[in-house]
């Protein structure tokens, strides 16, 4: 029996738009049931805190465009931190390559924000039954994305946080303060990150992070 069968889903809705979060929460409420819960997150930092605090989560509904996230970075983080936790990406950017890359970086489903609620619920049912759900117009898998995903998968969650801070241009001292680490520990993490990403400099690593950005949104 799945969580969907017994009506006790523990769901995170991660999106920086409060009205959209409210609409999603309303649509999912019947599935949460009296024994379940729906938690909202408006930023990557909030999402990371929620995930760290609840080891029994069943599902994350994730918008790619949130404060503290760069493209697919929050998805990659979740796959590294909680590889068994399914993630449904919900985005207004439904470019075929964006959909394909969401799948390649580990999403269990992709639902365009323009889709009606019934589509989201179909995707949710498929994912909670152990399947995937993606629109048919997704692009083929890309070799460079596959290599990047493989390299990022080697990073520990803490190393990934350090990488994202490096990509924001923070100095070692600033990263240490931001993550609550000793500066020497940050240096050790940076050395490991550069080695695992096959990079020779922080600038090179930052360029790798840019590879997580989705295709431009044609609807913008």
N, C-alpha and C. Protein backbone atom coordinates (compact mmCIF):
# COMPACT_ATOMS: atom_id res chain seq x y z
N UNK A 1 0.85 -1.20 0.00
CA UNK A 1 0.00 0.00 0.00
C UNK A 1 0.88 1.24 0.00
N UNK A 2 0.59 2.19 -0.84
CA UNK A 2 1.36 3.43 -0.89
C UNK A 2 0.73 4.48 0.01
N UNK A 3 1.47 5.56 0.23
CA UNK A 3 0.92 6.67 1.03
C UNK A 3 -0.32 7.23 0.37
N UNK A 4 -0.36 7.20 -0.96
CA UNK A 4 -1.52 7.71 -1.67
C UNK A 4 -2.75 6.85 -1.37
N UNK A 5 -2.55 5.53 -1.23
CA UNK A 5 -3.66 4.64 -0.93
C UNK A 5 -4.26 4.89 0.45
N UNK A 6 -3.39 5.13 1.45
CA UNK A 6 -3.92 5.28 2.80
C UNK A 6 -4.20 6.73 3.18
N UNK A 7 -4.03 7.67 2.21
CA UNK A 7 -4.40 9.05 2.45
C UNK A 7 -3.55 9.75 3.49
N UNK A 8 -2.26 9.44 3.55
CA UNK A 8 -1.40 10.03 4.56
C UNK A 8 -0.11 10.55 3.95
N UNK A 9 -0.23 11.34 2.92
CA UNK A 9 0.95 11.89 2.27
C UNK A 9 1.57 13.03 3.06
N UNK A 10 2.89 13.07 3.07
CA UNK A 10 3.64 14.18 3.66
C UNK A 10 4.33 14.88 2.50
N UNK A 11 3.83 16.05 2.13
CA UNK A 11 4.22 16.74 0.90
C UNK A 11 4.85 18.09 1.20
N UNK A 12 5.85 18.45 0.41
CA UNK A 12 6.41 19.80 0.45
C UNK A 12 6.07 20.49 -0.88
N UNK A 13 5.51 21.67 -0.81
CA UNK A 13 5.24 22.50 -1.99
C UNK A 13 6.23 23.65 -1.96
N UNK A 14 7.22 23.62 -2.86
CA UNK A 14 8.29 24.61 -2.87
C UNK A 14 8.13 25.54 -4.07
N UNK A 15 7.73 26.75 -3.80
CA UNK A 15 7.49 27.76 -4.85
C UNK A 15 7.51 29.12 -4.18
N UNK A 16 8.08 30.13 -4.84
CA UNK A 16 8.18 31.44 -4.21
C UNK A 16 6.94 32.30 -4.42
N UNK A 17 5.95 31.81 -5.15
CA UNK A 17 4.74 32.59 -5.41
C UNK A 17 3.64 32.13 -4.46
N UNK A 18 3.24 32.96 -3.49
CA UNK A 18 2.27 32.51 -2.47
C UNK A 18 0.92 32.10 -3.03
N UNK A 19 0.43 32.79 -4.07
CA UNK A 19 -0.87 32.43 -4.63
C UNK A 19 -0.81 31.07 -5.32
N UNK A 20 0.29 30.80 -6.01
CA UNK A 20 0.42 29.50 -6.67
C UNK A 20 0.55 28.39 -5.62
N UNK A 21 1.34 28.64 -4.58
CA UNK A 21 1.45 27.64 -3.51
C UNK A 21 0.08 27.33 -2.92
N UNK A 22 -0.70 28.38 -2.67
CA UNK A 22 -2.02 28.18 -2.09
C UNK A 22 -2.91 27.35 -3.00
N UNK A 23 -2.82 27.59 -4.30
CA UNK A 23 -3.64 26.83 -5.25
C UNK A 23 -3.22 25.35 -5.27
N UNK A 24 -1.91 25.11 -5.22
CA UNK A 24 -1.42 23.73 -5.22
C UNK A 24 -1.82 23.02 -3.93
N UNK A 25 -1.66 23.70 -2.82
CA UNK A 25 -2.04 23.11 -1.53
C UNK A 25 -3.52 22.74 -1.54
N UNK A 26 -4.35 23.62 -2.07
CA UNK A 26 -5.79 23.35 -2.14
C UNK A 26 -6.07 22.12 -3.00
N UNK A 27 -5.36 22.01 -4.14
CA UNK A 27 -5.58 20.88 -5.04
C UNK A 27 -5.13 19.56 -4.41
N UNK A 28 -4.08 19.62 -3.57
CA UNK A 28 -3.52 18.39 -2.99
C UNK A 28 -4.16 18.00 -1.66
N UNK A 29 -4.92 18.88 -1.07
CA UNK A 29 -5.46 18.63 0.26
C UNK A 29 -6.21 17.30 0.38
N UNK A 30 -7.04 16.93 -0.63
CA UNK A 30 -7.76 15.65 -0.50
C UNK A 30 -6.83 14.45 -0.38
N UNK A 31 -5.61 14.55 -0.93
CA UNK A 31 -4.68 13.42 -0.90
C UNK A 31 -3.88 13.37 0.39
N UNK A 32 -3.72 14.50 1.06
CA UNK A 32 -2.94 14.50 2.29
C UNK A 32 -3.64 13.70 3.38
N UNK A 33 -4.96 13.87 3.47
CA UNK A 33 -5.72 13.12 4.47
C UNK A 33 -5.46 13.62 5.88
N UNK A 34 -6.20 13.06 6.81
CA UNK A 34 -6.08 13.51 8.20
C UNK A 34 -4.73 13.15 8.81
N UNK A 35 -4.09 12.11 8.28
CA UNK A 35 -2.81 11.69 8.83
C UNK A 35 -1.62 12.27 8.10
N UNK A 36 -1.88 13.07 7.07
CA UNK A 36 -0.80 13.62 6.27
C UNK A 36 -0.57 15.09 6.55
N UNK A 37 0.30 15.70 5.75
CA UNK A 37 0.59 17.12 5.93
C UNK A 37 1.13 17.70 4.63
N UNK A 38 0.92 19.00 4.46
CA UNK A 38 1.48 19.73 3.34
C UNK A 38 2.22 20.93 3.89
N UNK A 39 3.52 20.98 3.63
CA UNK A 39 4.36 22.07 4.14
C UNK A 39 4.78 22.94 2.96
N UNK A 40 4.77 24.25 3.14
CA UNK A 40 5.15 25.18 2.09
C UNK A 40 6.57 25.69 2.30
N UNK A 41 7.28 25.89 1.18
CA UNK A 41 8.63 26.46 1.22
C UNK A 41 8.72 27.51 0.13
N UNK A 42 9.23 28.71 0.48
CA UNK A 42 9.27 29.81 -0.48
C UNK A 42 10.68 30.10 -1.00
N UNK A 43 11.68 29.34 -0.52
CA UNK A 43 13.05 29.56 -0.93
C UNK A 43 13.81 28.25 -0.82
N UNK A 44 15.00 28.22 -1.41
CA UNK A 44 15.82 27.02 -1.31
C UNK A 44 16.22 26.76 0.15
N UNK A 45 16.55 27.82 0.89
CA UNK A 45 16.96 27.65 2.29
C UNK A 45 15.83 27.03 3.11
N UNK A 46 14.60 27.50 2.88
CA UNK A 46 13.44 26.95 3.60
C UNK A 46 13.22 25.50 3.21
N UNK A 47 13.34 25.20 1.92
CA UNK A 47 13.17 23.84 1.44
C UNK A 47 14.18 22.91 2.09
N UNK A 48 15.45 23.33 2.11
CA UNK A 48 16.49 22.49 2.70
C UNK A 48 16.22 22.24 4.17
N UNK A 49 15.73 23.25 4.88
CA UNK A 49 15.44 23.11 6.31
C UNK A 49 14.28 22.14 6.53
N UNK A 50 13.25 22.23 5.69
CA UNK A 50 12.09 21.34 5.81
C UNK A 50 12.51 19.89 5.55
N UNK A 51 13.30 19.69 4.51
CA UNK A 51 13.74 18.34 4.16
C UNK A 51 14.61 17.75 5.27
N UNK A 52 15.47 18.57 5.84
CA UNK A 52 16.35 18.10 6.91
C UNK A 52 15.56 17.75 8.17
N UNK A 53 14.45 18.45 8.40
CA UNK A 53 13.68 18.27 9.63
C UNK A 53 12.72 17.09 9.59
N UNK A 54 12.37 16.62 8.39
CA UNK A 54 11.35 15.57 8.28
C UNK A 54 11.86 14.41 7.42
N UNK A 55 12.33 13.35 8.04
CA UNK A 55 12.84 12.20 7.28
C UNK A 55 11.75 11.34 6.66
N UNK A 56 10.49 11.63 6.99
CA UNK A 56 9.38 10.80 6.51
C UNK A 56 8.62 11.42 5.34
N UNK A 57 9.20 12.41 4.68
CA UNK A 57 8.51 13.04 3.55
C UNK A 57 8.25 12.03 2.43
N UNK A 58 7.11 12.20 1.75
CA UNK A 58 6.74 11.32 0.65
C UNK A 58 6.99 11.95 -0.72
N UNK A 59 6.96 13.29 -0.80
CA UNK A 59 6.97 13.93 -2.11
C UNK A 59 7.33 15.40 -1.99
N UNK A 60 8.06 15.91 -2.98
CA UNK A 60 8.32 17.34 -3.09
C UNK A 60 7.80 17.82 -4.44
N UNK A 61 7.02 18.89 -4.43
CA UNK A 61 6.62 19.58 -5.65
C UNK A 61 7.49 20.82 -5.74
N UNK A 62 8.28 20.91 -6.79
CA UNK A 62 9.38 21.88 -6.83
C UNK A 62 9.30 22.81 -8.03
N UNK A 63 9.32 24.11 -7.74
CA UNK A 63 9.49 25.11 -8.80
C UNK A 63 10.99 25.34 -8.98
N UNK A 64 11.45 25.47 -10.21
CA UNK A 64 12.87 25.67 -10.48
C UNK A 64 13.34 27.07 -10.11
N UNK A 65 12.43 28.03 -10.14
CA UNK A 65 12.79 29.43 -9.97
C UNK A 65 12.43 29.90 -8.56
N UNK A 66 13.38 29.73 -7.62
CA UNK A 66 13.17 30.17 -6.26
C UNK A 66 14.40 30.92 -5.75
N UNK A 67 14.24 31.83 -4.80
CA UNK A 67 15.41 32.49 -4.21
C UNK A 67 16.39 31.46 -3.63
N UNK A 68 17.67 31.62 -3.94
CA UNK A 68 18.69 30.72 -3.44
C UNK A 68 18.98 29.54 -4.34
N UNK A 69 18.20 29.39 -5.40
CA UNK A 69 18.39 28.28 -6.34
C UNK A 69 18.86 28.83 -7.68
N UNK A 70 19.64 28.03 -8.38
CA UNK A 70 20.07 28.38 -9.73
C UNK A 70 19.65 27.26 -10.67
N UNK A 71 18.55 27.48 -11.37
CA UNK A 71 18.08 26.48 -12.31
C UNK A 71 17.75 25.16 -11.61
N UNK A 72 18.43 24.11 -12.02
CA UNK A 72 18.17 22.78 -11.49
C UNK A 72 18.91 22.48 -10.20
N UNK A 73 19.54 23.49 -9.60
CA UNK A 73 20.37 23.24 -8.42
C UNK A 73 19.58 22.64 -7.27
N UNK A 74 18.36 23.12 -7.03
CA UNK A 74 17.57 22.58 -5.93
C UNK A 74 17.17 21.13 -6.19
N UNK A 75 16.92 20.80 -7.44
CA UNK A 75 16.60 19.41 -7.80
C UNK A 75 17.82 18.51 -7.57
N UNK A 76 18.99 18.97 -8.02
CA UNK A 76 20.21 18.20 -7.83
C UNK A 76 20.50 18.03 -6.34
N UNK A 77 20.27 19.07 -5.57
CA UNK A 77 20.47 18.99 -4.12
C UNK A 77 19.57 17.92 -3.51
N UNK A 78 18.31 17.93 -3.86
CA UNK A 78 17.37 16.96 -3.31
C UNK A 78 17.75 15.54 -3.68
N UNK A 79 18.21 15.34 -4.91
CA UNK A 79 18.59 13.99 -5.33
C UNK A 79 19.80 13.50 -4.56
N UNK A 80 20.70 14.43 -4.20
CA UNK A 80 21.86 14.04 -3.42
C UNK A 80 21.54 13.84 -1.95
N UNK A 81 20.70 14.72 -1.41
CA UNK A 81 20.36 14.69 0.01
C UNK A 81 19.39 13.55 0.33
N UNK A 82 18.38 13.37 -0.52
CA UNK A 82 17.35 12.35 -0.27
C UNK A 82 17.04 11.63 -1.58
N UNK A 83 17.91 10.72 -2.02
CA UNK A 83 17.74 10.09 -3.33
C UNK A 83 16.45 9.28 -3.49
N UNK A 84 15.87 8.83 -2.39
CA UNK A 84 14.64 8.04 -2.49
C UNK A 84 13.38 8.91 -2.48
N UNK A 85 13.53 10.21 -2.26
CA UNK A 85 12.38 11.11 -2.18
C UNK A 85 12.00 11.59 -3.58
N UNK A 86 10.81 11.23 -4.09
CA UNK A 86 10.43 11.65 -5.44
C UNK A 86 10.15 13.15 -5.52
N UNK A 87 10.52 13.73 -6.65
CA UNK A 87 10.35 15.16 -6.87
C UNK A 87 9.57 15.39 -8.16
N UNK A 88 8.50 16.15 -8.06
CA UNK A 88 7.74 16.58 -9.23
C UNK A 88 8.10 18.04 -9.50
N UNK A 89 8.71 18.31 -10.64
CA UNK A 89 9.03 19.69 -11.01
C UNK A 89 7.79 20.33 -11.61
N UNK A 90 7.45 21.51 -11.11
CA UNK A 90 6.33 22.29 -11.66
C UNK A 90 6.90 23.64 -12.08
N UNK A 91 6.84 23.92 -13.37
CA UNK A 91 7.51 25.12 -13.87
C UNK A 91 6.72 25.76 -15.00
N UNK A 92 6.85 27.09 -15.08
CA UNK A 92 6.26 27.80 -16.21
C UNK A 92 7.12 27.67 -17.46
N UNK A 93 8.37 27.24 -17.28
CA UNK A 93 9.29 27.04 -18.40
C UNK A 93 9.14 25.61 -18.89
N UNK A 94 8.32 25.41 -19.92
CA UNK A 94 8.08 24.06 -20.43
C UNK A 94 8.78 23.83 -21.77
N UNK A 95 9.94 24.48 -21.94
CA UNK A 95 10.77 24.22 -23.11
C UNK A 95 11.10 22.73 -23.14
N UNK A 96 11.04 22.07 -24.31
CA UNK A 96 11.31 20.62 -24.38
C UNK A 96 12.62 20.22 -23.73
N UNK A 97 13.67 21.04 -23.89
CA UNK A 97 14.95 20.66 -23.28
C UNK A 97 14.90 20.82 -21.77
N UNK A 98 14.15 21.79 -21.27
CA UNK A 98 14.00 21.94 -19.83
C UNK A 98 13.32 20.71 -19.24
N UNK A 99 12.31 20.22 -19.92
CA UNK A 99 11.60 19.02 -19.46
C UNK A 99 12.55 17.81 -19.48
N UNK A 100 13.28 17.67 -20.58
CA UNK A 100 14.22 16.56 -20.70
C UNK A 100 15.30 16.61 -19.65
N UNK A 101 15.80 17.80 -19.36
CA UNK A 101 16.87 17.95 -18.38
C UNK A 101 16.34 17.69 -16.97
N UNK A 102 15.10 18.07 -16.70
CA UNK A 102 14.51 17.78 -15.39
C UNK A 102 14.51 16.27 -15.15
N UNK A 103 14.16 15.51 -16.17
CA UNK A 103 14.18 14.06 -16.05
C UNK A 103 15.61 13.56 -15.87
N UNK A 104 16.53 14.13 -16.63
CA UNK A 104 17.92 13.67 -16.58
C UNK A 104 18.58 13.98 -15.23
N UNK A 105 18.17 15.10 -14.61
CA UNK A 105 18.74 15.46 -13.32
C UNK A 105 18.00 14.81 -12.15
N UNK A 106 17.03 13.95 -12.44
CA UNK A 106 16.46 13.12 -11.39
C UNK A 106 15.02 13.35 -10.99
N UNK A 107 14.29 14.23 -11.69
CA UNK A 107 12.87 14.43 -11.36
C UNK A 107 12.07 13.18 -11.72
N UNK A 108 11.02 12.93 -10.95
CA UNK A 108 10.12 11.82 -11.24
C UNK A 108 9.00 12.24 -12.19
N UNK A 109 8.78 13.56 -12.28
CA UNK A 109 7.72 14.07 -13.15
C UNK A 109 7.97 15.54 -13.43
N UNK A 110 7.35 16.03 -14.50
CA UNK A 110 7.39 17.45 -14.84
C UNK A 110 5.99 17.86 -15.26
N UNK A 111 5.47 18.90 -14.58
CA UNK A 111 4.13 19.40 -14.89
C UNK A 111 4.24 20.88 -15.20
N UNK A 112 3.86 21.32 -16.40
CA UNK A 112 3.85 22.75 -16.69
C UNK A 112 2.86 23.49 -15.80
N UNK A 113 3.19 24.70 -15.39
CA UNK A 113 2.27 25.46 -14.56
C UNK A 113 0.97 25.79 -15.29
N UNK A 114 1.03 25.77 -16.61
CA UNK A 114 -0.17 26.07 -17.39
C UNK A 114 -1.13 24.89 -17.46
N UNK A 115 -0.72 23.72 -16.98
CA UNK A 115 -1.56 22.52 -17.06
C UNK A 115 -2.73 22.61 -16.08
N UNK A 116 -3.87 22.02 -16.41
CA UNK A 116 -5.00 22.02 -15.47
C UNK A 116 -4.71 21.14 -14.27
N UNK A 117 -5.43 21.35 -13.15
CA UNK A 117 -5.18 20.57 -11.94
C UNK A 117 -5.24 19.06 -12.15
N UNK A 118 -6.09 18.61 -13.07
CA UNK A 118 -6.23 17.17 -13.30
C UNK A 118 -4.91 16.56 -13.77
N UNK A 119 -4.13 17.32 -14.55
CA UNK A 119 -2.84 16.82 -15.02
C UNK A 119 -1.88 16.64 -13.86
N UNK A 120 -1.85 17.61 -12.95
CA UNK A 120 -1.00 17.50 -11.77
C UNK A 120 -1.38 16.28 -10.94
N UNK A 121 -2.66 16.06 -10.76
CA UNK A 121 -3.10 14.93 -9.95
C UNK A 121 -2.76 13.60 -10.63
N UNK A 122 -2.84 13.57 -11.96
CA UNK A 122 -2.43 12.36 -12.69
C UNK A 122 -0.95 12.09 -12.49
N UNK A 123 -0.14 13.16 -12.55
CA UNK A 123 1.29 13.00 -12.33
C UNK A 123 1.57 12.53 -10.91
N UNK A 124 0.86 13.10 -9.95
CA UNK A 124 1.05 12.71 -8.55
C UNK A 124 0.72 11.24 -8.35
N UNK A 125 -0.39 10.79 -8.91
CA UNK A 125 -0.78 9.38 -8.78
C UNK A 125 0.28 8.46 -9.40
N UNK A 126 0.77 8.86 -10.57
CA UNK A 126 1.79 8.03 -11.24
C UNK A 126 3.05 7.93 -10.38
N UNK A 127 3.50 9.06 -9.87
CA UNK A 127 4.74 9.08 -9.08
C UNK A 127 4.59 8.30 -7.79
N UNK A 128 3.46 8.46 -7.09
CA UNK A 128 3.27 7.75 -5.83
C UNK A 128 3.05 6.26 -6.03
N UNK A 129 2.77 5.86 -7.27
CA UNK A 129 2.68 4.44 -7.60
C UNK A 129 3.99 3.90 -8.17
N UNK A 130 5.05 4.72 -8.08
CA UNK A 130 6.37 4.27 -8.50
C UNK A 130 6.71 4.50 -9.95
N UNK A 131 5.87 5.25 -10.67
CA UNK A 131 6.11 5.51 -12.09
C UNK A 131 6.63 6.93 -12.29
N UNK A 132 6.90 7.28 -13.54
CA UNK A 132 7.27 8.64 -13.91
C UNK A 132 6.15 9.25 -14.73
N UNK A 133 6.15 10.59 -14.82
CA UNK A 133 5.17 11.26 -15.66
C UNK A 133 5.83 12.48 -16.29
N UNK A 134 5.92 12.48 -17.62
CA UNK A 134 6.51 13.60 -18.34
C UNK A 134 5.70 13.89 -19.60
N UNK A 135 5.58 15.18 -19.96
CA UNK A 135 4.91 15.52 -21.22
C UNK A 135 5.66 14.89 -22.39
N UNK A 136 4.97 14.58 -23.46
CA UNK A 136 5.62 13.91 -24.60
C UNK A 136 6.63 14.78 -25.34
N UNK A 137 6.57 16.11 -25.16
CA UNK A 137 7.45 16.99 -25.94
C UNK A 137 8.81 17.22 -25.33
N UNK A 138 9.23 16.37 -24.40
CA UNK A 138 10.56 16.55 -23.82
C UNK A 138 11.65 16.20 -24.83
N UNK A 139 12.80 16.85 -24.68
CA UNK A 139 13.93 16.64 -25.58
C UNK A 139 14.68 15.36 -25.20
N UNK A 140 15.47 14.87 -26.13
CA UNK A 140 16.27 13.68 -25.87
C UNK A 140 17.35 13.97 -24.84
N UNK A 141 17.85 12.94 -24.21
CA UNK A 141 18.92 13.10 -23.23
C UNK A 141 20.18 13.62 -23.90
N UNK A 142 20.94 14.40 -23.14
CA UNK A 142 22.12 15.06 -23.67
C UNK A 142 23.36 14.52 -22.96
N UNK A 143 24.41 14.26 -23.72
CA UNK A 143 25.63 13.67 -23.16
C UNK A 143 26.29 14.59 -22.14
N UNK A 144 26.31 15.90 -22.43
CA UNK A 144 26.93 16.85 -21.50
C UNK A 144 26.14 16.92 -20.19
N UNK A 145 24.82 16.90 -20.29
CA UNK A 145 24.01 16.90 -19.08
C UNK A 145 24.25 15.63 -18.28
N UNK A 146 24.38 14.51 -18.97
CA UNK A 146 24.62 13.24 -18.29
C UNK A 146 25.94 13.29 -17.53
N UNK A 147 26.97 13.87 -18.14
CA UNK A 147 28.27 13.98 -17.49
C UNK A 147 28.19 14.89 -16.27
N UNK A 148 27.49 16.04 -16.43
CA UNK A 148 27.34 16.98 -15.33
C UNK A 148 26.57 16.33 -14.18
N UNK A 149 25.49 15.64 -14.49
CA UNK A 149 24.70 14.98 -13.45
C UNK A 149 25.53 13.94 -12.72
N UNK A 150 26.36 13.21 -13.45
CA UNK A 150 27.21 12.19 -12.83
C UNK A 150 28.24 12.83 -11.90
N UNK A 151 28.82 13.94 -12.33
CA UNK A 151 29.81 14.63 -11.50
C UNK A 151 29.17 15.21 -10.24
N UNK A 152 28.01 15.85 -10.40
CA UNK A 152 27.34 16.45 -9.25
C UNK A 152 26.88 15.39 -8.26
N UNK A 153 26.55 14.21 -8.76
CA UNK A 153 26.10 13.13 -7.88
C UNK A 153 27.22 12.66 -6.95
N UNK A 154 28.47 12.96 -7.29
CA UNK A 154 29.59 12.57 -6.44
C UNK A 154 29.75 13.48 -5.23
N UNK A 155 29.14 14.65 -5.28
CA UNK A 155 29.29 15.62 -4.19
C UNK A 155 28.42 15.24 -3.00
N UNK A 156 28.94 15.44 -1.81
CA UNK A 156 28.11 15.30 -0.63
C UNK A 156 27.19 16.52 -0.55
N UNK A 157 26.10 16.45 0.23
CA UNK A 157 25.23 17.62 0.36
C UNK A 157 25.98 18.88 0.81
N UNK A 158 26.94 18.72 1.73
CA UNK A 158 27.70 19.88 2.20
C UNK A 158 28.60 20.43 1.10
N UNK A 159 29.21 19.54 0.33
CA UNK A 159 30.05 19.98 -0.79
C UNK A 159 29.21 20.70 -1.83
N UNK A 160 27.97 20.25 -2.03
CA UNK A 160 27.09 20.92 -2.98
C UNK A 160 26.74 22.32 -2.50
N UNK A 161 26.50 22.47 -1.20
CA UNK A 161 26.23 23.80 -0.64
C UNK A 161 27.43 24.73 -0.85
N UNK A 162 28.61 24.18 -0.63
CA UNK A 162 29.83 24.98 -0.83
C UNK A 162 29.95 25.38 -2.30
N UNK A 163 29.66 24.45 -3.21
CA UNK A 163 29.73 24.76 -4.64
C UNK A 163 28.78 25.90 -4.99
N UNK A 164 27.55 25.86 -4.49
CA UNK A 164 26.58 26.90 -4.80
C UNK A 164 27.03 28.24 -4.23
N UNK A 165 27.65 28.23 -3.06
CA UNK A 165 28.17 29.47 -2.49
C UNK A 165 29.33 30.00 -3.32
N UNK A 166 30.18 29.10 -3.82
CA UNK A 166 31.27 29.51 -4.70
C UNK A 166 30.72 30.16 -5.96
N UNK A 167 29.65 29.57 -6.50
CA UNK A 167 29.05 30.09 -7.73
C UNK A 167 28.47 31.48 -7.53
N UNK A 168 28.10 31.80 -6.29
CA UNK A 168 27.58 33.13 -5.98
C UNK A 168 28.70 34.15 -5.77
N UNK A 169 29.95 33.65 -5.84
CA UNK A 169 31.09 34.54 -5.69
C UNK A 169 31.52 34.80 -4.27
N UNK A 170 31.04 34.00 -3.32
CA UNK A 170 31.42 34.21 -1.93
C UNK A 170 32.86 33.77 -1.67
N UNK A 171 33.54 34.48 -0.81
CA UNK A 171 34.88 34.12 -0.39
C UNK A 171 34.82 33.02 0.66
N UNK A 172 35.96 32.37 0.91
CA UNK A 172 35.98 31.27 1.87
C UNK A 172 35.43 31.68 3.23
N UNK A 173 35.83 32.87 3.69
CA UNK A 173 35.37 33.35 4.99
C UNK A 173 33.86 33.53 4.99
N UNK A 174 33.32 34.04 3.89
CA UNK A 174 31.88 34.24 3.79
C UNK A 174 31.13 32.91 3.74
N UNK A 175 31.70 31.94 3.00
CA UNK A 175 31.08 30.62 2.93
C UNK A 175 31.06 29.97 4.31
N UNK A 176 32.16 30.11 5.04
CA UNK A 176 32.24 29.55 6.38
C UNK A 176 31.15 30.13 7.28
N UNK A 177 30.96 31.44 7.20
CA UNK A 177 29.93 32.10 8.01
C UNK A 177 28.54 31.65 7.58
N UNK A 178 28.32 31.59 6.27
CA UNK A 178 27.01 31.22 5.72
C UNK A 178 26.60 29.81 6.11
N UNK A 179 27.56 28.87 6.09
CA UNK A 179 27.26 27.46 6.33
C UNK A 179 27.60 27.00 7.75
N UNK A 180 28.13 27.90 8.56
CA UNK A 180 28.47 27.53 9.92
C UNK A 180 29.63 26.56 10.01
N UNK A 181 30.63 26.76 9.16
CA UNK A 181 31.79 25.87 9.10
C UNK A 181 33.06 26.63 9.46
N UNK A 182 34.10 25.88 9.82
CA UNK A 182 35.42 26.48 9.99
C UNK A 182 35.98 26.78 8.60
N UNK A 183 36.78 27.84 8.50
CA UNK A 183 37.32 28.23 7.20
C UNK A 183 38.21 27.13 6.60
N UNK A 184 38.95 26.42 7.44
CA UNK A 184 39.77 25.32 6.96
C UNK A 184 38.91 24.19 6.39
N UNK A 185 37.75 23.97 7.01
CA UNK A 185 36.83 22.96 6.50
C UNK A 185 36.31 23.34 5.13
N UNK A 186 36.02 24.62 4.95
CA UNK A 186 35.58 25.11 3.65
C UNK A 186 36.65 24.84 2.59
N UNK A 187 37.91 25.10 2.94
CA UNK A 187 39.00 24.86 1.99
C UNK A 187 39.08 23.39 1.60
N UNK A 188 38.87 22.51 2.56
CA UNK A 188 38.89 21.07 2.28
C UNK A 188 37.75 20.71 1.33
N UNK A 189 36.58 21.28 1.59
CA UNK A 189 35.43 21.01 0.72
C UNK A 189 35.68 21.52 -0.70
N UNK A 190 36.24 22.71 -0.82
CA UNK A 190 36.50 23.28 -2.13
C UNK A 190 37.48 22.41 -2.92
N UNK A 191 38.52 21.93 -2.25
CA UNK A 191 39.47 21.03 -2.91
C UNK A 191 38.77 19.78 -3.43
N UNK A 192 37.88 19.22 -2.61
CA UNK A 192 37.15 18.01 -3.02
C UNK A 192 36.19 18.31 -4.18
N UNK A 193 35.53 19.47 -4.11
CA UNK A 193 34.59 19.85 -5.17
C UNK A 193 35.32 20.00 -6.50
N UNK A 194 36.43 20.71 -6.50
CA UNK A 194 37.17 20.92 -7.74
C UNK A 194 37.65 19.59 -8.32
N UNK A 195 38.08 18.69 -7.44
CA UNK A 195 38.55 17.39 -7.91
C UNK A 195 37.41 16.58 -8.53
N UNK A 196 36.27 16.54 -7.85
CA UNK A 196 35.15 15.74 -8.33
C UNK A 196 34.53 16.31 -9.61
N UNK A 197 34.61 17.62 -9.77
CA UNK A 197 34.06 18.24 -10.97
C UNK A 197 35.10 18.36 -12.09
N UNK A 198 36.32 17.88 -11.82
CA UNK A 198 37.41 17.95 -12.79
C UNK A 198 37.67 19.40 -13.20
N UNK A 199 37.73 20.26 -12.19
CA UNK A 199 37.98 21.68 -12.42
C UNK A 199 39.31 22.08 -11.79
N UNK A 200 39.91 23.13 -12.34
CA UNK A 200 41.19 23.61 -11.83
C UNK A 200 41.07 24.92 -11.08
N UNK A 201 39.88 25.53 -11.11
CA UNK A 201 39.70 26.81 -10.44
C UNK A 201 38.25 27.00 -10.02
N UNK A 202 38.03 27.97 -9.13
CA UNK A 202 36.67 28.30 -8.70
C UNK A 202 35.84 28.82 -9.88
N UNK A 203 36.50 29.56 -10.76
CA UNK A 203 35.80 30.09 -11.93
C UNK A 203 35.26 28.96 -12.80
N UNK A 204 36.09 27.93 -13.00
CA UNK A 204 35.65 26.78 -13.78
C UNK A 204 34.45 26.11 -13.14
N UNK A 205 34.50 25.99 -11.81
CA UNK A 205 33.39 25.37 -11.09
C UNK A 205 32.11 26.20 -11.23
N UNK A 206 32.25 27.52 -11.20
CA UNK A 206 31.09 28.40 -11.36
C UNK A 206 30.47 28.24 -12.74
N UNK A 207 31.31 28.01 -13.74
CA UNK A 207 30.81 27.76 -15.10
C UNK A 207 30.01 26.46 -15.13
N UNK A 208 30.48 25.46 -14.38
CA UNK A 208 29.74 24.19 -14.30
C UNK A 208 28.34 24.43 -13.75
N UNK A 209 28.26 25.28 -12.73
CA UNK A 209 26.96 25.57 -12.12
C UNK A 209 26.02 26.22 -13.13
N UNK A 210 26.58 27.06 -14.01
CA UNK A 210 25.75 27.68 -15.04
C UNK A 210 25.11 26.63 -15.94
N UNK A 211 25.71 25.46 -16.01
CA UNK A 211 25.12 24.36 -16.79
C UNK A 211 23.83 23.85 -16.20
N UNK A 212 23.50 24.28 -14.97
CA UNK A 212 22.23 23.88 -14.33
C UNK A 212 21.08 24.80 -14.73
N UNK A 213 21.39 25.90 -15.38
CA UNK A 213 20.33 26.83 -15.77
C UNK A 213 19.49 26.23 -16.89
N UNK A 214 18.17 26.37 -16.81
CA UNK A 214 17.30 25.82 -17.85
C UNK A 214 17.34 26.67 -19.12
N UNK A 215 16.70 26.16 -20.15
CA UNK A 215 16.57 26.92 -21.39
C UNK A 215 15.75 28.18 -21.13
N UNK A 216 15.99 29.26 -21.92
CA UNK A 216 15.16 30.46 -21.76
C UNK A 216 13.68 30.13 -21.91
N UNK A 217 12.87 30.79 -21.09
CA UNK A 217 11.42 30.56 -21.13
C UNK A 217 10.83 31.29 -22.33
N UNK A 218 10.35 30.52 -23.30
CA UNK A 218 9.80 31.12 -24.53
C UNK A 218 8.55 31.95 -24.25
N UNK A 219 7.90 31.68 -23.12
CA UNK A 219 6.66 32.40 -22.83
C UNK A 219 6.91 33.76 -22.21
N UNK A 220 8.19 33.99 -21.81
CA UNK A 220 8.49 35.26 -21.13
C UNK A 220 8.46 36.41 -22.11
